[in-house]
Amino acid sequence: MNGVRVPAALRPPVDLALAKAVESFPDAGALPGGNVYEMKWDGFRAVCVVDVDAVSLWSRQRKDLSSYFPDVLAAAGEQIPTGCVVDGELVVWSGDQLDFDALQLRLVTARAVLPALVRERPASFVAFDVLAVAGQDARGLPFRDRRALLEELAGAWVPPLNLSPVTRDRAVAETWFKEMPAMKVEGILIKGDSQPYEPRRIWLKVKSRNVTDVVCAAVIGPVVQPRALVVGLPMHGRLRIVGRSAPLSGRAGRDLARYLHPPRGKHPWPEEISNRMLDRFNKESGTIRLTLVDPIVVEVSADVAWSGRAFRHSVRLVRVRPELDPDDVQLPGHLGRGSGRFDVG
């Protein structure tokens, strides 16, 4: 492959800009230069690096996703010039809806079966920012200039490469927010028009679904067929048990089991806990035995019954998020305040 090299500071893995969750649309001047609104796609965050010797895809956790998405990789190599680094989202469409389950299969499908899955359920890459163009680092430019570069870059793209739409009109963004959940779009991402690109939480996001990321560090029942999840959130520097899930169906338990592994190193929870300690789970006396697992991130839906330290009612498993790091899970603002990371002591 001929062409210009990616800037040395952007050779993978790459640290990405992130968004902080907010409960509602912020004021017009909340971010530098005024608000720019984008759709928050329901997929895997990924950065595409097109260098002279390789094209690669990297997750926000600095993991190489290239081998799981050969279809997107091939398109990027053909349509994006060398020396470019593009930020975006990997998604899979099922009709006119995003299909996260199909996307997730990419990470757990055997290598021999992957080509068939790629043919049957092709992935797409939705670009929403650019970090480098023609070998030049663009992160110091304001978003409006990066967006102009990205639009020029994407002018001749064809699927599976796509350009994410943006608007500076709040009314349009609010319409997206109301209508897009039918397509399984998660919500709205807000950027500052004059913001440079920085690898920290510089953007804002409003989610349109009542879901919460939590950490599953134990299950009830055998690890090969769990009957329920036990979930936690970081509070005061520790991962505290905050609830259990509703009973899992046999299929849901088997699907979950694919992501469960024995604990590595010291675990944040004991193997046995008091039922009275977890009266939101079970009001019987005695103890309940946990099957400890290596912590993973899961998305759950929960009602508003929050005691201040735990969900009073059982939560429902929405999906597993194996591409996310448990250390990045935060206590949601509407539940209280707590540490963004946790210790296992």
Protein backbone atom coordinates (compact mmCIF):
# COMPACT_ATOMS: atom_id res chain seq x y z
CA MET A 1 0.00 0.00 0.00
CA ASN A 2 1.42 3.35 -1.07
CA GLY A 3 0.66 6.73 0.42
CA VAL A 4 1.29 8.84 3.51
CA ARG A 5 1.67 7.52 7.02
CA VAL A 6 -0.65 8.14 9.93
CA PRO A 7 0.89 10.65 12.39
CA ALA A 8 3.09 8.88 14.94
CA ALA A 9 0.90 10.12 17.82
CA LEU A 10 -2.13 8.40 16.26
CA ARG A 11 -0.71 5.00 15.46
CA PRO A 12 -2.92 2.45 17.20
CA PRO A 13 -4.19 1.91 19.74
CA VAL A 14 -5.84 5.34 19.89
CA ASP A 15 -7.44 7.08 22.88
CA LEU A 16 -10.90 8.40 21.99
CA ALA A 17 -13.05 11.31 23.08
CA LEU A 18 -15.99 10.26 25.25
CA ALA A 19 -19.37 11.66 26.28
CA LYS A 20 -20.89 12.33 29.68
CA ALA A 21 -24.50 11.27 30.17
CA VAL A 22 -27.02 14.02 30.95
CA GLU A 23 -30.71 13.67 31.71
CA SER A 24 -32.04 16.18 29.15
CA PHE A 25 -31.02 18.44 26.29
CA PRO A 26 -28.54 21.06 27.56
CA ASP A 27 -28.81 24.81 27.01
CA ALA A 28 -27.75 26.06 23.58
CA GLY A 29 -24.40 27.37 24.85
CA ALA A 30 -23.54 24.40 27.05
CA LEU A 31 -20.47 23.51 24.98
CA PRO A 32 -17.83 25.77 23.39
CA GLY A 33 -18.99 27.36 20.15
CA GLY A 34 -22.58 26.21 20.54
CA ASN A 35 -24.16 22.77 20.38
CA VAL A 36 -23.98 20.42 17.42
CA TYR A 37 -26.27 17.39 17.58
CA GLU A 38 -25.68 13.88 16.22
CA MET A 39 -27.44 10.56 16.54
CA LYS A 40 -25.98 8.17 19.11
CA TRP A 41 -25.70 4.91 17.22
CA ASP A 42 -26.34 1.58 18.93
CA GLY A 43 -23.16 -0.27 18.09
CA PHE A 44 -19.48 -0.68 18.93
CA ARG A 45 -17.45 2.51 19.12
CA ALA A 46 -14.44 2.13 16.86
CA VAL A 47 -11.66 4.14 15.27
CA CYS A 48 -10.51 3.22 11.76
CA VAL A 49 -6.79 3.70 11.11
CA VAL A 50 -5.70 3.63 7.45
CA ASP A 51 -1.91 3.49 7.37
CA VAL A 52 0.48 2.69 4.52
CA ASP A 53 1.07 -0.86 5.72
CA ALA A 54 -2.27 -1.81 7.31
CA VAL A 55 -5.90 -0.90 7.85
CA SER A 56 -7.22 -1.57 11.34
CA LEU A 57 -10.21 -1.05 13.61
CA TRP A 58 -9.77 -0.38 17.32
CA SER A 59 -12.31 -0.26 20.15
CA ARG A 60 -12.51 2.47 22.76
CA GLN A 61 -10.88 -0.05 25.11
CA ARG A 62 -7.83 -0.13 22.79
CA LYS A 63 -8.65 -3.62 21.51
CA ASP A 64 -7.99 -4.63 17.91
CA LEU A 65 -11.37 -5.44 16.29
CA SER A 66 -9.99 -5.86 12.78
CA SER A 67 -10.38 -9.64 12.50
CA TYR A 68 -14.07 -9.48 13.49
CA PHE A 69 -15.04 -6.98 10.76
CA PRO A 70 -13.33 -7.98 7.50
CA ASP A 71 -16.16 -6.43 5.46
CA VAL A 72 -15.69 -2.97 6.98
CA LEU A 73 -11.91 -3.33 6.86
CA ALA A 74 -11.94 -4.06 3.12
CA ALA A 75 -14.21 -1.10 2.39
CA ALA A 76 -12.05 1.25 4.45
CA GLY A 77 -8.93 0.12 2.60
CA GLU A 78 -10.62 0.84 -0.74
CA GLN A 79 -12.39 4.12 0.07
CA ILE A 80 -10.32 5.95 2.69
CA PRO A 81 -6.90 7.35 1.69
CA THR A 82 -3.83 6.42 3.69
CA GLY A 83 -2.82 8.70 6.52
CA CYS A 84 -6.41 9.00 7.82
CA VAL A 85 -7.86 8.17 11.24
CA VAL A 86 -11.66 8.19 11.42
CA ASP A 87 -13.82 7.88 14.53
CA GLY A 88 -17.22 6.23 14.35
CA GLU A 89 -19.48 3.33 15.21
CA LEU A 90 -19.68 -0.24 13.95
CA VAL A 91 -23.31 -1.28 13.46
CA VAL A 92 -25.39 -4.04 11.90
CA TRP A 93 -28.75 -3.30 10.29
CA SER A 94 -31.69 -5.67 10.32
CA GLY A 95 -34.19 -4.17 7.91
CA ASP A 96 -34.68 -0.57 9.05
CA GLN A 97 -33.47 -1.22 12.62
CA LEU A 98 -30.07 -1.54 14.23
CA ASP A 99 -29.42 -5.05 15.51
CA PHE A 100 -26.99 -5.07 18.43
CA ASP A 101 -27.38 -8.81 18.99
CA ALA A 102 -26.20 -9.51 15.45
CA LEU A 103 -23.28 -7.15 15.96
CA GLN A 104 -22.37 -8.85 19.21
CA LEU A 105 -22.19 -12.24 17.49
CA ARG A 106 -19.07 -11.02 15.69
CA LEU A 107 -17.14 -11.25 18.96
CA VAL A 108 -18.18 -14.79 19.91
CA THR A 109 -18.45 -16.57 16.57
CA ALA A 110 -15.79 -19.15 15.77
CA ARG A 111 -13.27 -18.03 13.19
CA ALA A 112 -14.30 -20.81 10.79
CA VAL A 113 -17.95 -19.68 10.88
CA LEU A 114 -17.27 -15.93 10.71
CA PRO A 115 -17.21 -15.64 6.87
CA ALA A 116 -20.75 -17.00 6.67
CA LEU A 117 -21.93 -14.58 9.37
CA VAL A 118 -20.29 -11.68 7.52
CA ARG A 119 -22.17 -12.62 4.33
CA GLU A 120 -25.50 -13.05 6.10
CA ARG A 121 -25.30 -10.07 8.46
CA PRO A 122 -22.89 -7.48 6.99
CA ALA A 123 -21.67 -4.68 9.23
CA SER A 124 -21.45 -0.95 8.52
CA PHE A 125 -19.24 1.86 9.78
CA VAL A 126 -20.89 5.19 10.61
CA ALA A 127 -18.25 7.94 10.76
CA PHE A 128 -18.78 10.98 12.96
CA ASP A 129 -15.33 12.53 13.48
CA VAL A 130 -11.86 12.59 11.99
CA LEU A 131 -8.57 12.65 13.88
CA ALA A 132 -6.13 12.71 10.97
CA VAL A 133 -6.27 13.45 7.24
CA ALA A 134 -3.45 13.02 4.72
CA GLY A 135 -1.01 12.27 7.50
CA GLN A 136 -1.83 15.47 9.41
CA ASP A 137 -3.14 15.41 12.98
CA ALA A 138 -6.54 17.14 12.99
CA ARG A 139 -7.37 16.81 16.68
CA GLY A 140 -6.43 20.40 17.48
CA LEU A 141 -8.93 21.80 14.96
CA PRO A 142 -12.40 22.89 16.11
CA PHE A 143 -15.15 20.41 15.44
CA ARG A 144 -16.63 22.51 12.61
CA ASP A 145 -13.34 22.24 10.67
CA ARG A 146 -12.97 18.53 11.42
CA ARG A 147 -16.52 18.02 10.22
CA ALA A 148 -15.77 19.83 6.97
CA LEU A 149 -12.75 17.57 6.43
CA LEU A 150 -14.83 14.49 7.21
CA GLU A 151 -17.58 15.52 4.77
CA GLU A 152 -14.98 16.03 2.03
CA LEU A 153 -13.43 12.67 2.84
CA ALA A 154 -16.80 10.91 2.78
CA GLY A 155 -18.05 12.56 -0.41
CA ALA A 156 -17.54 9.46 -2.56
CA TRP A 157 -18.21 6.79 0.08
CA VAL A 158 -20.62 3.98 -0.55
CA PRO A 159 -21.90 1.42 2.01
CA PRO A 160 -20.73 -0.09 4.25
CA LEU A 161 -19.08 3.29 4.97
CA ASN A 162 -21.53 6.00 6.00
CA LEU A 163 -21.43 9.59 7.29
CA SER A 164 -23.42 10.32 10.43
CA PRO A 165 -25.81 13.27 9.98
CA VAL A 166 -25.48 16.37 12.18
CA THR A 167 -27.65 19.39 12.91
CA ARG A 168 -27.25 22.64 14.78
CA ASP A 169 -31.02 22.99 15.06
CA ARG A 170 -32.23 21.80 18.48
CA ALA A 171 -35.77 21.27 17.17
CA VAL A 172 -34.49 18.85 14.56
CA ALA A 173 -32.42 17.03 17.20
CA GLU A 174 -35.46 16.75 19.47
CA THR A 175 -37.41 15.24 16.57
CA TRP A 176 -34.64 12.71 16.08
CA PHE A 177 -34.75 11.95 19.79
CA LYS A 178 -38.47 11.18 19.63
CA GLU A 179 -38.49 9.26 16.36
CA MET A 180 -35.17 7.45 16.17
CA PRO A 181 -35.74 4.91 19.01
CA ALA A 182 -37.91 3.02 16.52
CA MET A 183 -34.69 2.42 14.57
CA LYS A 184 -32.89 1.42 17.80
CA VAL A 185 -30.81 4.62 17.75
CA GLU A 186 -29.85 5.18 21.40
CA GLY A 187 -30.23 8.93 21.67
CA ILE A 188 -28.43 12.15 20.87
CA LEU A 189 -24.74 13.07 21.13
CA ILE A 190 -23.89 16.76 21.63
CA LYS A 191 -20.57 18.32 20.63
CA GLY A 192 -19.24 21.88 20.86
CA ASP A 193 -18.79 23.52 17.47
CA SER A 194 -15.40 24.97 18.45
CA GLN A 195 -14.17 22.04 20.56
CA PRO A 196 -10.90 20.33 19.66
CA TYR A 197 -10.75 16.54 19.92
CA GLU A 198 -9.50 15.38 23.32
CA PRO A 199 -9.35 11.85 24.77
CA ARG A 200 -11.63 12.53 27.74
CA ARG A 201 -15.34 13.12 28.41
CA ILE A 202 -15.73 16.36 26.44
CA TRP A 203 -19.11 15.66 24.82
CA LEU A 204 -22.61 15.13 26.22
CA LYS A 205 -25.16 12.41 25.49
CA VAL A 206 -28.88 12.07 26.10
CA LYS A 207 -30.17 8.50 26.04
CA SER A 208 -33.68 7.86 24.84
CA ARG A 209 -34.03 4.50 26.58
CA ASN A 210 -34.34 3.89 30.28
CA VAL A 211 -31.33 1.61 30.56
CA THR A 212 -28.30 1.59 32.84
CA ASP A 213 -24.84 0.06 32.53
CA VAL A 214 -23.98 -2.04 35.59
CA VAL A 215 -21.34 -4.61 36.44
CA CYS A 216 -22.23 -8.29 36.70
CA ALA A 217 -19.68 -9.95 38.98
CA ALA A 218 -21.75 -12.95 40.07
CA VAL A 219 -24.71 -15.06 39.08
CA ILE A 220 -27.15 -17.27 40.91
CA GLY A 221 -26.99 -20.86 39.74
CA PRO A 222 -24.32 -22.69 37.77
CA VAL A 223 -22.08 -20.68 35.49
CA VAL A 224 -23.14 -22.77 32.47
CA GLN A 225 -26.84 -22.07 33.10
CA PRO A 226 -27.24 -19.01 35.37
CA ARG A 227 -30.70 -18.37 36.74
CA ALA A 228 -30.16 -14.68 37.56
CA LEU A 229 -27.50 -11.98 37.53
CA VAL A 230 -26.16 -10.18 40.59
CA VAL A 231 -25.12 -6.67 39.61
CA GLY A 232 -23.11 -3.87 41.15
CA LEU A 233 -22.22 -0.21 40.79
CA PRO A 234 -19.20 1.77 42.05
CA MET A 235 -19.86 3.62 45.30
CA HIS A 236 -17.15 5.17 47.47
CA GLY A 237 -14.42 3.36 45.59
CA ARG A 238 -15.92 -0.12 45.91
CA LEU A 239 -18.15 -2.25 43.70
CA ARG A 240 -21.36 -2.54 45.74
CA ILE A 241 -24.06 -5.09 45.05
CA VAL A 242 -27.11 -3.09 43.98
CA GLY A 243 -29.54 -5.67 42.68
CA ARG A 244 -30.34 -8.89 40.98
CA SER A 245 -32.07 -9.59 37.74
CA ALA A 246 -35.45 -11.13 37.18
CA PRO A 247 -35.21 -14.88 36.48
CA LEU A 248 -33.52 -15.62 33.19
CA SER A 249 -35.13 -17.82 30.62
CA GLY A 250 -33.24 -20.96 29.70
CA ARG A 251 -32.12 -19.40 26.42
CA ALA A 252 -31.08 -16.12 28.05
CA GLY A 253 -29.08 -18.04 30.65
CA ARG A 254 -27.26 -20.05 27.99
CA ASP A 255 -26.55 -16.93 25.95
CA LEU A 256 -25.18 -15.15 29.01
CA ALA A 257 -23.00 -18.14 29.93
CA ARG A 258 -20.90 -17.58 26.80
CA TYR A 259 -19.53 -14.40 28.36
CA LEU A 260 -18.93 -15.72 31.87
CA HIS A 261 -15.46 -16.70 33.05
CA PRO A 262 -13.95 -17.62 36.42
CA PRO A 263 -12.62 -14.67 38.45
CA ARG A 264 -9.08 -13.52 37.72
CA GLY A 265 -7.33 -12.42 40.89
CA LYS A 266 -9.06 -10.99 43.93
CA HIS A 267 -12.83 -10.67 43.64
CA PRO A 268 -14.85 -7.75 45.04
CA TRP A 269 -17.58 -9.95 46.56
CA PRO A 270 -17.80 -12.95 48.93
CA GLU A 271 -19.13 -16.30 47.77
CA GLU A 272 -21.97 -16.24 50.29
CA ILE A 273 -24.12 -13.32 51.45
CA SER A 274 -26.98 -12.84 53.88
CA ASN A 275 -30.52 -12.88 52.56
CA ARG A 276 -31.35 -10.13 55.03
CA MET A 277 -28.51 -8.08 53.64
CA LEU A 278 -30.18 -8.51 50.26
CA ASP A 279 -33.80 -8.27 51.34
CA ARG A 280 -34.59 -6.61 48.06
CA PHE A 281 -33.78 -10.05 46.59
CA ASN A 282 -35.18 -12.41 49.16
CA LYS A 283 -36.73 -11.80 52.58
CA GLU A 284 -36.04 -15.30 53.85
CA SER A 285 -33.48 -15.76 56.62
CA GLY A 286 -30.21 -17.55 55.96
CA THR A 287 -27.75 -17.00 53.17
CA ILE A 288 -27.58 -17.15 49.42
CA ARG A 289 -24.61 -18.55 47.54
CA LEU A 290 -23.15 -16.61 44.64
CA THR A 291 -21.29 -18.04 41.68
CA LEU A 292 -18.52 -15.49 41.29
CA VAL A 293 -17.43 -14.53 37.77
CA ASP A 294 -14.95 -12.15 36.21
CA PRO A 295 -16.76 -8.77 36.16
CA ILE A 296 -18.46 -7.86 32.88
CA VAL A 297 -20.61 -4.91 31.86
CA VAL A 298 -24.30 -5.53 31.23
CA GLU A 299 -27.13 -3.19 30.35
CA VAL A 300 -30.25 -3.49 32.47
CA SER A 301 -33.61 -1.77 32.60
CA ALA A 302 -34.81 -0.72 36.03
CA ASP A 303 -37.74 1.19 37.47
CA VAL A 304 -37.34 4.30 39.61
CA ALA A 305 -37.48 2.44 42.94
CA TRP A 306 -33.95 3.18 44.20
CA SER A 307 -33.21 2.95 47.92
CA GLY A 308 -30.10 5.11 47.80
CA ARG A 309 -27.86 2.05 47.79
CA ALA A 310 -29.71 -0.50 45.68
CA PHE A 311 -32.57 -1.20 43.30
CA ARG A 312 -35.58 -2.20 45.39
CA HIS A 313 -37.04 -4.28 42.56
CA SER A 314 -35.35 -6.75 40.27
CA VAL A 315 -33.78 -5.42 37.09
CA ARG A 316 -34.15 -6.95 33.65
CA LEU A 317 -31.20 -7.92 31.52
CA VAL A 318 -31.16 -6.01 28.24
CA ARG A 319 -27.84 -7.17 26.83
CA VAL A 320 -24.23 -7.97 27.60
CA ARG A 321 -21.61 -5.34 26.69
CA PRO A 322 -18.36 -7.33 26.34
CA GLU A 323 -16.65 -4.47 24.52
CA LEU A 324 -16.88 -2.18 27.57
CA ASP A 325 -14.53 -2.09 30.56
CA PRO A 326 -16.12 -2.60 34.01
CA ASP A 327 -13.73 0.05 35.39
CA ASP A 328 -15.46 2.65 33.19
CA VAL A 329 -18.95 2.05 34.61
CA GLN A 330 -20.15 5.01 36.66
CA LEU A 331 -22.95 5.49 39.15
CA PRO A 332 -25.67 7.21 37.08
CA GLY A 333 -26.36 10.79 38.12
CA HIS A 334 -30.04 10.15 38.78
CA LEU A 335 -29.15 7.44 41.32
CA GLY A 336 -26.57 9.38 43.32
CA ARG A 337 -22.94 10.29 43.39
CA GLY A 338 -20.02 7.90 43.52
CA SER A 339 -16.60 6.95 42.31
CA GLY A 340 -16.10 6.31 38.62
CA ARG A 341 -13.79 3.39 39.35
CA PHE A 342 -13.82 0.65 41.93
CA ASP A 343 -11.39 -1.31 44.02
CA VAL A 344 -11.69 -5.03 44.55
CA GLY A 345 -10.76 -4.91 48.22
